[in-house]
Amino acid sequence: MRKLLFIIAFTIVALLPAGAQSVGHGADIDAQINGKATTRQNKKPAAEPHKTPTPPPAPSTPDISTSNRRMKMVLRKIKVRKKTPEELAETKTKVTMGIHHEQGFRIQVYSGGNTRIARQEAERAGQKVKSVLPTQPVYVHFYSPRWSCRVGNFRTYNSALGALRQIRKVGYKGAIIIRSVITVKDVEYVDDDTMIDDGE
């Protein structure tokens, strides 16, 4: 969409003639818009000797090569540090490219029987854990023959261990880390300018 707006603006600016003067009725319209009174003259003015128009003075612009050299000197003085992943996430747009499954770890918070009460306990455990770990997904499923509540998609055991400590502080002392197939989102950070807009 930005590209389309840029093209339209560029086209309009390119079509406007630089320094155009209105002739004939256009002068009357310009005078009315600008609030000036015009007098119509039916007679042609006497021919004046032909004068060559002098071009208007060029606006003073700095020499491009000089400004480039100055910019390079300034950039040499400034030490540019690499951005952290958090800073990259703030300046770029997060795009989910796809989802795949791989072996990893989840935390099993609750495991009960196959009754309705066991299901309610598993859902209650999931809600309580979600308040502690809001960024982690909670899975309440019936793995035959019991209801269980599992949390997270951890690629490493150590990352699961940190979440397990938080869950045990809430009151689930029986929570354990289990090896499981996890769901992993393929995420890429993209500049806003390089994103493709479907509206174009």
C-alpha atoms as a PDB file:
ATOM      1  CA  MET A   1       0.000   0.000   0.000  1.00  0.00           C
ATOM      2  CA  ARG A   2       2.883   2.354   0.778  1.00  0.00           C
ATOM      3  CA  LYS A   3       4.390   1.689  -2.615  1.00  0.00           C
ATOM      4  CA  LEU A   4       1.100   2.514  -4.332  1.00  0.00           C
ATOM      5  CA  LEU A   5       0.780   5.818  -2.458  1.00  0.00           C
ATOM      6  CA  PHE A   6       4.382   6.669  -3.295  1.00  0.00           C
ATOM      7  CA  ILE A   7       3.791   6.003  -6.994  1.00  0.00           C
ATOM      8  CA  ILE A   8       0.656   8.170  -7.034  1.00  0.00           C
ATOM      9  CA  ALA A   9       2.392  11.037  -5.229  1.00  0.00           C
ATOM     10  CA  PHE A  10       5.414  10.812  -7.512  1.00  0.00           C
ATOM     11  CA  THR A  11       3.199  10.861 -10.619  1.00  0.00           C
ATOM     12  CA  ILE A  12       1.319  13.941  -9.434  1.00  0.00           C
ATOM     13  CA  VAL A  13       4.519  15.808  -8.649  1.00  0.00           C
ATOM     14  CA  ALA A  14       6.053  14.816 -11.999  1.00  0.00           C
ATOM     15  CA  LEU A  15       3.039  16.061 -13.931  1.00  0.00           C
ATOM     16  CA  LEU A  16       3.054  19.499 -12.328  1.00  0.00           C
ATOM     17  CA  PRO A  17       5.116  21.839 -14.528  1.00  0.00           C
ATOM     18  CA  ALA A  18       7.749  23.794 -12.687  1.00  0.00           C
ATOM     19  CA  GLY A  19       7.292  27.564 -12.817  1.00  0.00           C
ATOM     20  CA  ALA A  20       4.226  27.449 -15.129  1.00  0.00           C
ATOM     21  CA  GLN A  21       2.397  30.675 -15.843  1.00  0.00           C
ATOM     22  CA  SER A  22      -1.282  30.731 -16.604  1.00  0.00           C
ATOM     23  CA  VAL A  23      -2.382  32.279 -19.868  1.00  0.00           C
ATOM     24  CA  GLY A  24      -5.775  33.691 -20.859  1.00  0.00           C
ATOM     25  CA  HIS A  25      -8.710  32.753 -18.660  1.00  0.00           C
ATOM     26  CA  GLY A  26      -6.427  30.932 -16.237  1.00  0.00           C
ATOM     27  CA  ALA A  27      -5.059  34.291 -15.119  1.00  0.00           C
ATOM     28  CA  ASP A  28      -8.557  35.429 -14.189  1.00  0.00           C
ATOM     29  CA  ILE A  29      -9.165  32.273 -12.199  1.00  0.00           C
ATOM     30  CA  ASP A  30      -5.806  32.618 -10.437  1.00  0.00           C
ATOM     31  CA  ALA A  31      -6.621  36.234  -9.595  1.00  0.00           C
ATOM     32  CA  GLN A  32      -9.998  35.290  -8.135  1.00  0.00           C
ATOM     33  CA  ILE A  33      -8.475  32.529  -6.036  1.00  0.00           C
ATOM     34  CA  ASN A  34      -5.685  34.771  -4.800  1.00  0.00           C
ATOM     35  CA  GLY A  35      -8.058  37.685  -4.155  1.00  0.00           C
ATOM     36  CA  LYS A  36      -6.566  40.072  -6.711  1.00  0.00           C
ATOM     37  CA  ALA A  37      -8.658  42.259  -9.000  1.00  0.00           C
ATOM     38  CA  THR A  38      -8.041  41.843 -12.705  1.00  0.00           C
ATOM     39  CA  THR A  39      -8.808  44.192 -15.553  1.00  0.00           C
ATOM     40  CA  ARG A  40      -9.617  42.800 -18.947  1.00  0.00           C
ATOM     41  CA  GLN A  41      -7.814  44.392 -21.797  1.00  0.00           C
ATOM     42  CA  ASN A  42      -9.248  43.955 -25.243  1.00  0.00           C
ATOM     43  CA  LYS A  43      -6.344  45.648 -26.897  1.00  0.00           C
ATOM     44  CA  LYS A  44      -3.109  43.847 -27.386  1.00  0.00           C
ATOM     45  CA  PRO A  45      -0.218  45.508 -25.627  1.00  0.00           C
ATOM     46  CA  ALA A  46       2.383  47.156 -27.770  1.00  0.00           C
ATOM     47  CA  ALA A  47       5.121  44.835 -28.800  1.00  0.00           C
ATOM     48  CA  GLU A  48       8.104  45.136 -26.559  1.00  0.00           C
ATOM     49  CA  PRO A  49      11.593  44.437 -27.702  1.00  0.00           C
ATOM     50  CA  HIS A  50      12.415  40.766 -27.346  1.00  0.00           C
ATOM     51  CA  LYS A  51      14.189  40.055 -24.096  1.00  0.00           C
ATOM     52  CA  THR A  52      15.845  36.787 -23.263  1.00  0.00           C
ATOM     53  CA  PRO A  53      14.481  35.531 -19.980  1.00  0.00           C
ATOM     54  CA  THR A  54      17.057  35.185 -17.293  1.00  0.00           C
ATOM     55  CA  PRO A  55      16.825  31.931 -15.424  1.00  0.00           C
ATOM     56  CA  PRO A  56      15.934  32.240 -11.751  1.00  0.00           C
ATOM     57  CA  PRO A  57      18.842  31.845  -9.381  1.00  0.00           C
ATOM     58  CA  ALA A  58      19.433  28.229  -8.450  1.00  0.00           C
ATOM     59  CA  PRO A  59      18.613  27.387  -4.864  1.00  0.00           C
ATOM     60  CA  SER A  60      21.662  26.948  -2.767  1.00  0.00           C
ATOM     61  CA  THR A  61      22.094  23.251  -2.122  1.00  0.00           C
ATOM     62  CA  PRO A  62      25.133  21.747  -0.522  1.00  0.00           C
ATOM     63  CA  ASP A  63      27.433  19.745  -2.715  1.00  0.00           C
ATOM     64  CA  ILE A  64      26.365  16.102  -2.630  1.00  0.00           C
ATOM     65  CA  SER A  65      29.887  14.780  -2.456  1.00  0.00           C
ATOM     66  CA  THR A  66      30.637  17.065   0.489  1.00  0.00           C
ATOM     67  CA  SER A  67      27.550  15.941   2.390  1.00  0.00           C
ATOM     68  CA  ASN A  68      28.370  12.274   1.711  1.00  0.00           C
ATOM     69  CA  ARG A  69      31.885  12.776   3.051  1.00  0.00           C
ATOM     70  CA  ARG A  70      30.511  14.488   6.157  1.00  0.00           C
ATOM     71  CA  MET A  71      28.039  11.654   6.717  1.00  0.00           C
ATOM     72  CA  LYS A  72      30.788   9.070   6.418  1.00  0.00           C
ATOM     73  CA  MET A  73      32.916  10.981   8.926  1.00  0.00           C
ATOM     74  CA  VAL A  74      30.016  11.135  11.381  1.00  0.00           C
ATOM     75  CA  LEU A  75      29.294   7.429  10.948  1.00  0.00           C
ATOM     76  CA  ARG A  76      32.937   6.584  11.621  1.00  0.00           C
ATOM     77  CA  LYS A  77      32.775   8.487  14.899  1.00  0.00           C
ATOM     78  CA  ILE A  78      29.583   6.743  16.009  1.00  0.00           C
ATOM     79  CA  LYS A  79      30.159   3.183  17.086  1.00  0.00           C
ATOM     80  CA  VAL A  80      27.163   1.118  16.051  1.00  0.00           C
ATOM     81  CA  ARG A  81      26.315  -1.709  18.398  1.00  0.00           C
ATOM     82  CA  LYS A  82      24.347  -4.763  17.356  1.00  0.00           C
ATOM     83  CA  LYS A  83      20.728  -4.900  18.442  1.00  0.00           C
ATOM     84  CA  THR A  84      19.531  -7.482  20.924  1.00  0.00           C
ATOM     85  CA  PRO A  85      16.690  -9.837  19.897  1.00  0.00           C
ATOM     86  CA  GLU A  86      14.294  -7.783  22.042  1.00  0.00           C
ATOM     87  CA  GLU A  87      15.235  -4.578  20.207  1.00  0.00           C
ATOM     88  CA  LEU A  88      14.889  -6.343  16.862  1.00  0.00           C
ATOM     89  CA  ALA A  89      11.419  -7.501  17.855  1.00  0.00           C
ATOM     90  CA  GLU A  90      10.440  -3.894  18.619  1.00  0.00           C
ATOM     91  CA  THR A  91      11.663  -2.472  15.302  1.00  0.00           C
ATOM     92  CA  LYS A  92      10.542  -5.304  13.056  1.00  0.00           C
ATOM     93  CA  THR A  93       7.319  -7.172  12.496  1.00  0.00           C
ATOM     94  CA  LYS A  94       7.025 -10.727  13.731  1.00  0.00           C
ATOM     95  CA  VAL A  95       5.749 -13.055  11.011  1.00  0.00           C
ATOM     96  CA  THR A  96       4.861 -16.693  11.678  1.00  0.00           C
ATOM     97  CA  MET A  97       6.088 -18.652   8.688  1.00  0.00           C
ATOM     98  CA  GLY A  98       4.694 -22.052   9.712  1.00  0.00           C
ATOM     99  CA  ILE A  99       4.405 -24.672  12.417  1.00  0.00           C
ATOM    100  CA  HIS A 100       6.289 -27.921  12.808  1.00  0.00           C
ATOM    101  CA  HIS A 101       6.559 -30.651  15.447  1.00  0.00           C
ATOM    102  CA  GLU A 102       9.709 -31.957  17.086  1.00  0.00           C
ATOM    103  CA  GLN A 103      10.842 -33.759  20.209  1.00  0.00           C
ATOM    104  CA  GLY A 104      11.016 -31.552  23.279  1.00  0.00           C
ATOM    105  CA  PHE A 105       9.699 -31.209  26.799  1.00  0.00           C
ATOM    106  CA  ARG A 106       6.426 -30.308  28.513  1.00  0.00           C
ATOM    107  CA  ILE A 107       5.511 -29.989  32.169  1.00  0.00           C
ATOM    108  CA  GLN A 108       2.771 -32.313  33.364  1.00  0.00           C
ATOM    109  CA  VAL A 109       0.941 -30.428  36.095  1.00  0.00           C
ATOM    110  CA  TYR A 110      -1.980 -32.774  36.691  1.00  0.00           C
ATOM    111  CA  SER A 111      -2.863 -36.358  35.848  1.00  0.00           C
ATOM    112  CA  GLY A 112      -6.146 -37.845  37.079  1.00  0.00           C
ATOM    113  CA  GLY A 113      -8.664 -40.515  36.203  1.00  0.00           C
ATOM    114  CA  ASN A 114     -11.227 -40.697  33.436  1.00  0.00           C
ATOM    115  CA  THR A 115     -14.102 -39.103  35.336  1.00  0.00           C
ATOM    116  CA  ARG A 116     -15.850 -35.785  34.889  1.00  0.00           C
ATOM    117  CA  ILE A 117     -14.329 -34.557  38.162  1.00  0.00           C
ATOM    118  CA  ALA A 118     -10.819 -35.372  36.873  1.00  0.00           C
ATOM    119  CA  ARG A 119     -11.543 -33.297  33.775  1.00  0.00           C
ATOM    120  CA  GLN A 120     -12.669 -30.341  35.894  1.00  0.00           C
ATOM    121  CA  GLU A 121      -9.525 -30.633  38.047  1.00  0.00           C
ATOM    122  CA  ALA A 122      -7.318 -30.674  34.924  1.00  0.00           C
ATOM    123  CA  GLU A 123      -9.043 -27.549  33.560  1.00  0.00           C
ATOM    124  CA  ARG A 124      -8.744 -25.795  36.934  1.00  0.00           C
ATOM    125  CA  ALA A 125      -5.012 -26.632  37.057  1.00  0.00           C
ATOM    126  CA  GLY A 126      -4.612 -25.275  33.510  1.00  0.00           C
ATOM    127  CA  GLN A 127      -6.272 -21.972  34.440  1.00  0.00           C
ATOM    128  CA  LYS A 128      -4.110 -21.572  37.543  1.00  0.00           C
ATOM    129  CA  VAL A 129      -0.897 -22.310  35.640  1.00  0.00           C
ATOM    130  CA  LYS A 130      -1.924 -19.942  32.822  1.00  0.00           C
ATOM    131  CA  SER A 131      -2.066 -17.111  35.365  1.00  0.00           C
ATOM    132  CA  VAL A 132       1.538 -17.888  36.374  1.00  0.00           C
ATOM    133  CA  LEU A 133       2.915 -18.553  32.859  1.00  0.00           C
ATOM    134  CA  PRO A 134       0.721 -16.510  30.498  1.00  0.00           C
ATOM    135  CA  THR A 135       3.042 -16.905  27.485  1.00  0.00           C
ATOM    136  CA  GLN A 136       3.098 -20.713  27.608  1.00  0.00           C
ATOM    137  CA  PRO A 137       0.347 -22.805  26.010  1.00  0.00           C
ATOM    138  CA  VAL A 138      -1.696 -25.084  28.266  1.00  0.00           C
ATOM    139  CA  TYR A 139      -2.920 -28.465  27.013  1.00  0.00           C
ATOM    140  CA  VAL A 140      -5.813 -30.184  28.810  1.00  0.00           C
ATOM    141  CA  HIS A 141      -6.331 -33.508  27.020  1.00  0.00           C
ATOM    142  CA  PHE A 142      -7.649 -36.968  27.587  1.00  0.00           C
ATOM    143  CA  TYR A 143      -4.700 -39.316  27.135  1.00  0.00           C
ATOM    144  CA  SER A 144      -6.344 -42.702  27.604  1.00  0.00           C
ATOM    145  CA  PRO A 145      -7.158 -43.677  30.346  1.00  0.00           C
ATOM    146  CA  ARG A 146      -6.773 -40.332  32.167  1.00  0.00           C
ATOM    147  CA  TRP A 147      -7.193 -36.563  31.960  1.00  0.00           C
ATOM    148  CA  SER A 148      -3.981 -34.587  32.116  1.00  0.00           C
ATOM    149  CA  CYS A 149      -2.854 -30.973  32.066  1.00  0.00           C
ATOM    150  CA  ARG A 150       0.439 -30.239  30.363  1.00  0.00           C
ATOM    151  CA  VAL A 151       2.149 -26.887  29.909  1.00  0.00           C
ATOM    152  CA  GLY A 152       4.616 -25.429  27.425  1.00  0.00           C
ATOM    153  CA  ASN A 153       6.642 -26.233  24.351  1.00  0.00           C
ATOM    154  CA  PHE A 154      10.215 -26.348  25.618  1.00  0.00           C
ATOM    155  CA  ARG A 155      13.066 -27.323  23.332  1.00  0.00           C
ATOM    156  CA  THR A 156      15.569 -27.831  26.171  1.00  0.00           C
ATOM    157  CA  TYR A 157      15.300 -29.448  29.568  1.00  0.00           C
ATOM    158  CA  ASN A 158      16.808 -26.398  31.290  1.00  0.00           C
ATOM    159  CA  SER A 159      14.155 -24.018  29.947  1.00  0.00           C
ATOM    160  CA  ALA A 160      11.456 -26.408  31.189  1.00  0.00           C
ATOM    161  CA  LEU A 161      13.167 -26.589  34.576  1.00  0.00           C
ATOM    162  CA  GLY A 162      12.808 -22.829  35.136  1.00  0.00           C
ATOM    163  CA  ALA A 163       9.073 -22.993  34.411  1.00  0.00           C
ATOM    164  CA  LEU A 164       8.721 -26.080  36.638  1.00  0.00           C
ATOM    165  CA  ARG A 165      10.102 -24.130  39.608  1.00  0.00           C
ATOM    166  CA  GLN A 166       7.462 -21.418  39.098  1.00  0.00           C
ATOM    167  CA  ILE A 167       4.671 -24.000  38.863  1.00  0.00           C
ATOM    168  CA  ARG A 168       5.803 -25.752  42.043  1.00  0.00           C
ATOM    169  CA  LYS A 169       5.723 -22.409  43.905  1.00  0.00           C
ATOM    170  CA  VAL A 170       2.026 -22.098  42.999  1.00  0.00           C
ATOM    171  CA  GLY A 171       1.281 -25.372  44.783  1.00  0.00           C
ATOM    172  CA  TYR A 172       1.655 -28.180  42.269  1.00  0.00           C
ATOM    173  CA  LYS A 173       4.438 -30.109  43.994  1.00  0.00           C
ATOM    174  CA  GLY A 174       3.759 -33.220  41.901  1.00  0.00           C
ATOM    175  CA  ALA A 175       4.456 -31.474  38.589  1.00  0.00           C
ATOM    176  CA  ILE A 176       7.112 -33.194  36.478  1.00  0.00           C
ATOM    177  CA  ILE A 177       8.965 -32.641  33.212  1.00  0.00           C
ATOM    178  CA  ILE A 178       8.109 -35.168  30.519  1.00  0.00           C
ATOM    179  CA  ARG A 179       9.539 -35.778  27.069  1.00  0.00           C
ATOM    180  CA  SER A 180       6.910 -35.094  24.426  1.00  0.00           C
ATOM    181  CA  VAL A 181       6.322 -34.002  20.856  1.00  0.00           C
ATOM    182  CA  ILE A 182       6.052 -30.217  20.940  1.00  0.00           C
ATOM    183  CA  THR A 183       4.628 -27.634  18.555  1.00  0.00           C
ATOM    184  CA  VAL A 184       7.159 -25.064  17.353  1.00  0.00           C
ATOM    185  CA  LYS A 185       6.262 -21.912  15.422  1.00  0.00           C
ATOM    186  CA  ASP A 186       8.726 -20.828  12.749  1.00  0.00           C
ATOM    187  CA  VAL A 187       9.037 -17.074  13.352  1.00  0.00           C
ATOM    188  CA  GLU A 188      10.869 -14.539  11.229  1.00  0.00           C
ATOM    189  CA  TYR A 189      11.362 -10.840  11.921  1.00  0.00           C
ATOM    190  CA  VAL A 190      10.737  -8.714   8.826  1.00  0.00           C
ATOM    191  CA  ASP A 191      11.108  -4.974   8.187  1.00  0.00           C
ATOM    192  CA  ASP A 192       7.803  -3.196   7.590  1.00  0.00           C
ATOM    193  CA  ASP A 193       9.030  -1.932   4.203  1.00  0.00           C
ATOM    194  CA  THR A 194       9.760  -5.415   2.867  1.00  0.00           C
ATOM    195  CA  MET A 195       6.380  -6.875   3.760  1.00  0.00           C
ATOM    196  CA  ILE A 196       4.157  -7.564   0.768  1.00  0.00           C
ATOM    197  CA  ASP A 197       0.729  -5.986   0.938  1.00  0.00           C
ATOM    198  CA  ASP A 198      -2.096  -7.988  -0.627  1.00  0.00           C
ATOM    199  CA  GLY A 199      -3.903  -4.768  -1.606  1.00  0.00           C
ATOM    200  CA  GLU A 200      -1.384  -3.864  -4.330  1.00  0.00           C
END
